[in-house]
């Protein structure tokens, strides 16, 4: 009887451990999905605001080049760190002047 009780206790520990391991990835996926929904919403709002600005073709092209480089984690190799930081700060200020809230989230420093 004692041996059976120990086996049941061990089985209980194993099942609790498995439940814990299964719950952690599910919780992480749920948090990730919630963050992604927030990010997509912010992206849509920013896209609408940029559309309202009626940027010139040159401004749009410059913006997309900058965005595509940074999306891939690349930076302009011909710029030193201080110049790149100054340009990012200028872009952040300009976005703020255009009414984009939390521009610092859009223009992170790399």
C-alpha atoms as a PDB file:
ATOM      1  CA  UNK A   1       0.000   0.000   0.000  1.00  0.00           C
ATOM      2  CA  UNK A   2       2.890   2.339   0.860  1.00  0.00           C
ATOM      3  CA  UNK A   3       4.541   1.524  -2.443  1.00  0.00           C
ATOM      4  CA  UNK A   4       1.334   2.241  -4.360  1.00  0.00           C
ATOM      5  CA  UNK A   5       0.982   5.548  -2.517  1.00  0.00           C
ATOM      6  CA  UNK A   6       4.529   6.527  -3.524  1.00  0.00           C
ATOM      7  CA  UNK A   7       3.836   5.614  -7.145  1.00  0.00           C
ATOM      8  CA  UNK A   8       0.684   7.748  -7.130  1.00  0.00           C
ATOM      9  CA  UNK A   9       2.602  10.648  -5.599  1.00  0.00           C
ATOM     10  CA  UNK A  10       5.285  10.307  -8.278  1.00  0.00           C
ATOM     11  CA  UNK A  11       2.627  10.151 -10.986  1.00  0.00           C
ATOM     12  CA  UNK A  12       1.043  13.302  -9.525  1.00  0.00           C
ATOM     13  CA  UNK A  13       4.390  15.136  -9.631  1.00  0.00           C
ATOM     14  CA  UNK A  14       4.970  14.065 -13.219  1.00  0.00           C
ATOM     15  CA  UNK A  15       1.541  15.183 -14.357  1.00  0.00           C
ATOM     16  CA  UNK A  16       1.929  18.515 -12.538  1.00  0.00           C
ATOM     17  CA  UNK A  17       5.323  19.011 -14.216  1.00  0.00           C
ATOM     18  CA  UNK A  18       3.894  18.215 -17.627  1.00  0.00           C
ATOM     19  CA  UNK A  19       0.981  20.594 -17.099  1.00  0.00           C
ATOM     20  CA  UNK A  20       3.429  23.326 -16.107  1.00  0.00           C
ATOM     21  CA  UNK A  21       5.620  22.730 -19.173  1.00  0.00           C
ATOM     22  CA  UNK A  22       2.616  22.748 -21.486  1.00  0.00           C
ATOM     23  CA  UNK A  23       1.175  25.905 -19.928  1.00  0.00           C
ATOM     24  CA  UNK A  24       4.362  27.990 -20.223  1.00  0.00           C
ATOM     25  CA  UNK A  25       4.621  27.908 -24.032  1.00  0.00           C
ATOM     26  CA  UNK A  26       0.886  28.520 -24.325  1.00  0.00           C
ATOM     27  CA  UNK A  27       1.126  31.560 -22.048  1.00  0.00           C
ATOM     28  CA  UNK A  28       4.127  32.864 -23.997  1.00  0.00           C
ATOM     29  CA  UNK A  29       2.246  32.462 -27.280  1.00  0.00           C
ATOM     30  CA  UNK A  30      -0.766  34.251 -25.819  1.00  0.00           C
ATOM     31  CA  UNK A  31       1.384  37.183 -24.624  1.00  0.00           C
ATOM     32  CA  UNK A  32       3.099  37.335 -28.012  1.00  0.00           C
ATOM     33  CA  UNK A  33      -0.239  37.409 -29.816  1.00  0.00           C
ATOM     34  CA  UNK A  34      -1.465  40.248 -27.586  1.00  0.00           C
ATOM     35  CA  UNK A  35       1.703  42.254 -28.232  1.00  0.00           C
ATOM     36  CA  UNK A  36       1.423  41.614 -31.956  1.00  0.00           C
ATOM     37  CA  UNK A  37      -2.178  42.877 -31.960  1.00  0.00           C
ATOM     38  CA  UNK A  38      -1.071  46.088 -30.222  1.00  0.00           C
ATOM     39  CA  UNK A  39       1.808  46.540 -32.666  1.00  0.00           C
ATOM     40  CA  UNK A  40      -0.411  45.987 -35.709  1.00  0.00           C
ATOM     41  CA  UNK A  41      -2.911  48.518 -34.381  1.00  0.00           C
ATOM     42  CA  UNK A  42      -0.155  51.094 -33.841  1.00  0.00           C
ATOM     43  CA  UNK A  43       1.230  50.381 -37.300  1.00  0.00           C
ATOM     44  CA  UNK A  44      -2.174  50.923 -38.885  1.00  0.00           C
ATOM     45  CA  UNK A  45      -2.643  54.236 -37.063  1.00  0.00           C
ATOM     46  CA  UNK A  46       0.822  55.383 -38.105  1.00  0.00           C
ATOM     47  CA  UNK A  47       0.199  54.332 -41.702  1.00  0.00           C
ATOM     48  CA  UNK A  48      -2.997  56.382 -41.787  1.00  0.00           C
ATOM     49  CA  UNK A  49      -1.234  59.432 -40.365  1.00  0.00           C
ATOM     50  CA  UNK A  50       1.584  59.118 -42.883  1.00  0.00           C
ATOM     51  CA  UNK A  51      -1.020  58.904 -45.650  1.00  0.00           C
ATOM     52  CA  UNK A  52      -2.615  62.123 -44.415  1.00  0.00           C
ATOM     53  CA  UNK A  53       0.739  63.941 -44.636  1.00  0.00           C
ATOM     54  CA  UNK A  54       0.781  63.748 -48.436  1.00  0.00           C
ATOM     55  CA  UNK A  55       4.530  63.179 -48.647  1.00  0.00           C
ATOM     56  CA  UNK A  56       6.357  63.799 -51.882  1.00  0.00           C
ATOM     57  CA  UNK A  57       7.630  60.857 -53.912  1.00  0.00           C
ATOM     58  CA  UNK A  58      11.177  61.607 -52.761  1.00  0.00           C
ATOM     59  CA  UNK A  59      10.160  61.660 -49.103  1.00  0.00           C
ATOM     60  CA  UNK A  60       8.293  58.367 -49.485  1.00  0.00           C
ATOM     61  CA  UNK A  61      11.232  56.729 -51.227  1.00  0.00           C
ATOM     62  CA  UNK A  62      13.660  57.912 -48.532  1.00  0.00           C
ATOM     63  CA  UNK A  63      11.312  56.651 -45.820  1.00  0.00           C
ATOM     64  CA  UNK A  64      10.940  53.200 -47.377  1.00  0.00           C
ATOM     65  CA  UNK A  65      14.688  52.852 -47.903  1.00  0.00           C
ATOM     66  CA  UNK A  66      15.312  53.738 -44.257  1.00  0.00           C
ATOM     67  CA  UNK A  67      12.562  51.417 -43.016  1.00  0.00           C
ATOM     68  CA  UNK A  68      13.684  48.465 -45.139  1.00  0.00           C
ATOM     69  CA  UNK A  69      17.294  48.781 -43.987  1.00  0.00           C
ATOM     70  CA  UNK A  70      16.332  48.902 -40.344  1.00  0.00           C
ATOM     71  CA  UNK A  71      13.748  46.131 -40.634  1.00  0.00           C
ATOM     72  CA  UNK A  72      16.560  43.825 -41.684  1.00  0.00           C
ATOM     73  CA  UNK A  73      18.805  45.167 -38.936  1.00  0.00           C
ATOM     74  CA  UNK A  74      21.065  46.968 -41.358  1.00  0.00           C
ATOM     75  CA  UNK A  75      22.369  50.457 -40.970  1.00  0.00           C
ATOM     76  CA  UNK A  76      23.980  52.732 -43.466  1.00  0.00           C
ATOM     77  CA  UNK A  77      27.660  51.718 -43.483  1.00  0.00           C
ATOM     78  CA  UNK A  78      28.844  55.146 -44.625  1.00  0.00           C
ATOM     79  CA  UNK A  79      27.515  56.908 -41.515  1.00  0.00           C
ATOM     80  CA  UNK A  80      29.386  57.065 -38.258  1.00  0.00           C
ATOM     81  CA  UNK A  81      27.495  56.395 -35.038  1.00  0.00           C
ATOM     82  CA  UNK A  82      27.025  60.066 -34.101  1.00  0.00           C
ATOM     83  CA  UNK A  83      25.725  61.068 -37.534  1.00  0.00           C
ATOM     84  CA  UNK A  84      23.307  58.137 -37.591  1.00  0.00           C
ATOM     85  CA  UNK A  85      22.112  59.038 -34.080  1.00  0.00           C
ATOM     86  CA  UNK A  86      21.606  62.669 -35.106  1.00  0.00           C
ATOM     87  CA  UNK A  87      19.579  61.630 -38.154  1.00  0.00           C
ATOM     88  CA  UNK A  88      17.422  59.292 -36.089  1.00  0.00           C
ATOM     89  CA  UNK A  89      16.828  62.100 -33.597  1.00  0.00           C
ATOM     90  CA  UNK A  90      15.916  64.479 -36.426  1.00  0.00           C
ATOM     91  CA  UNK A  91      13.478  61.932 -37.848  1.00  0.00           C
ATOM     92  CA  UNK A  92      11.933  61.394 -34.414  1.00  0.00           C
ATOM     93  CA  UNK A  93      11.490  65.161 -33.984  1.00  0.00           C
ATOM     94  CA  UNK A  94       9.963  65.495 -37.454  1.00  0.00           C
ATOM     95  CA  UNK A  95       7.491  62.667 -36.807  1.00  0.00           C
ATOM     96  CA  UNK A  96       6.534  64.357 -33.535  1.00  0.00           C
ATOM     97  CA  UNK A  97       5.931  67.634 -35.353  1.00  0.00           C
ATOM     98  CA  UNK A  98       3.653  65.766 -37.771  1.00  0.00           C
ATOM     99  CA  UNK A  99       1.503  64.635 -34.861  1.00  0.00           C
ATOM    100  CA  UNK A 100       2.783  61.055 -34.592  1.00  0.00           C
ATOM    101  CA  UNK A 101       2.633  60.054 -30.952  1.00  0.00           C
ATOM    102  CA  UNK A 102       5.401  57.942 -29.445  1.00  0.00           C
ATOM    103  CA  UNK A 103       7.722  58.568 -32.381  1.00  0.00           C
ATOM    104  CA  UNK A 104      10.530  57.133 -30.282  1.00  0.00           C
ATOM    105  CA  UNK A 105       8.919  53.710 -30.732  1.00  0.00           C
ATOM    106  CA  UNK A 106       9.002  54.061 -34.504  1.00  0.00           C
ATOM    107  CA  UNK A 107      12.551  55.353 -34.661  1.00  0.00           C
ATOM    108  CA  UNK A 108      14.521  53.165 -32.273  1.00  0.00           C
ATOM    109  CA  UNK A 109      18.259  53.560 -32.110  1.00  0.00           C
ATOM    110  CA  UNK A 110      20.207  50.651 -33.526  1.00  0.00           C
END
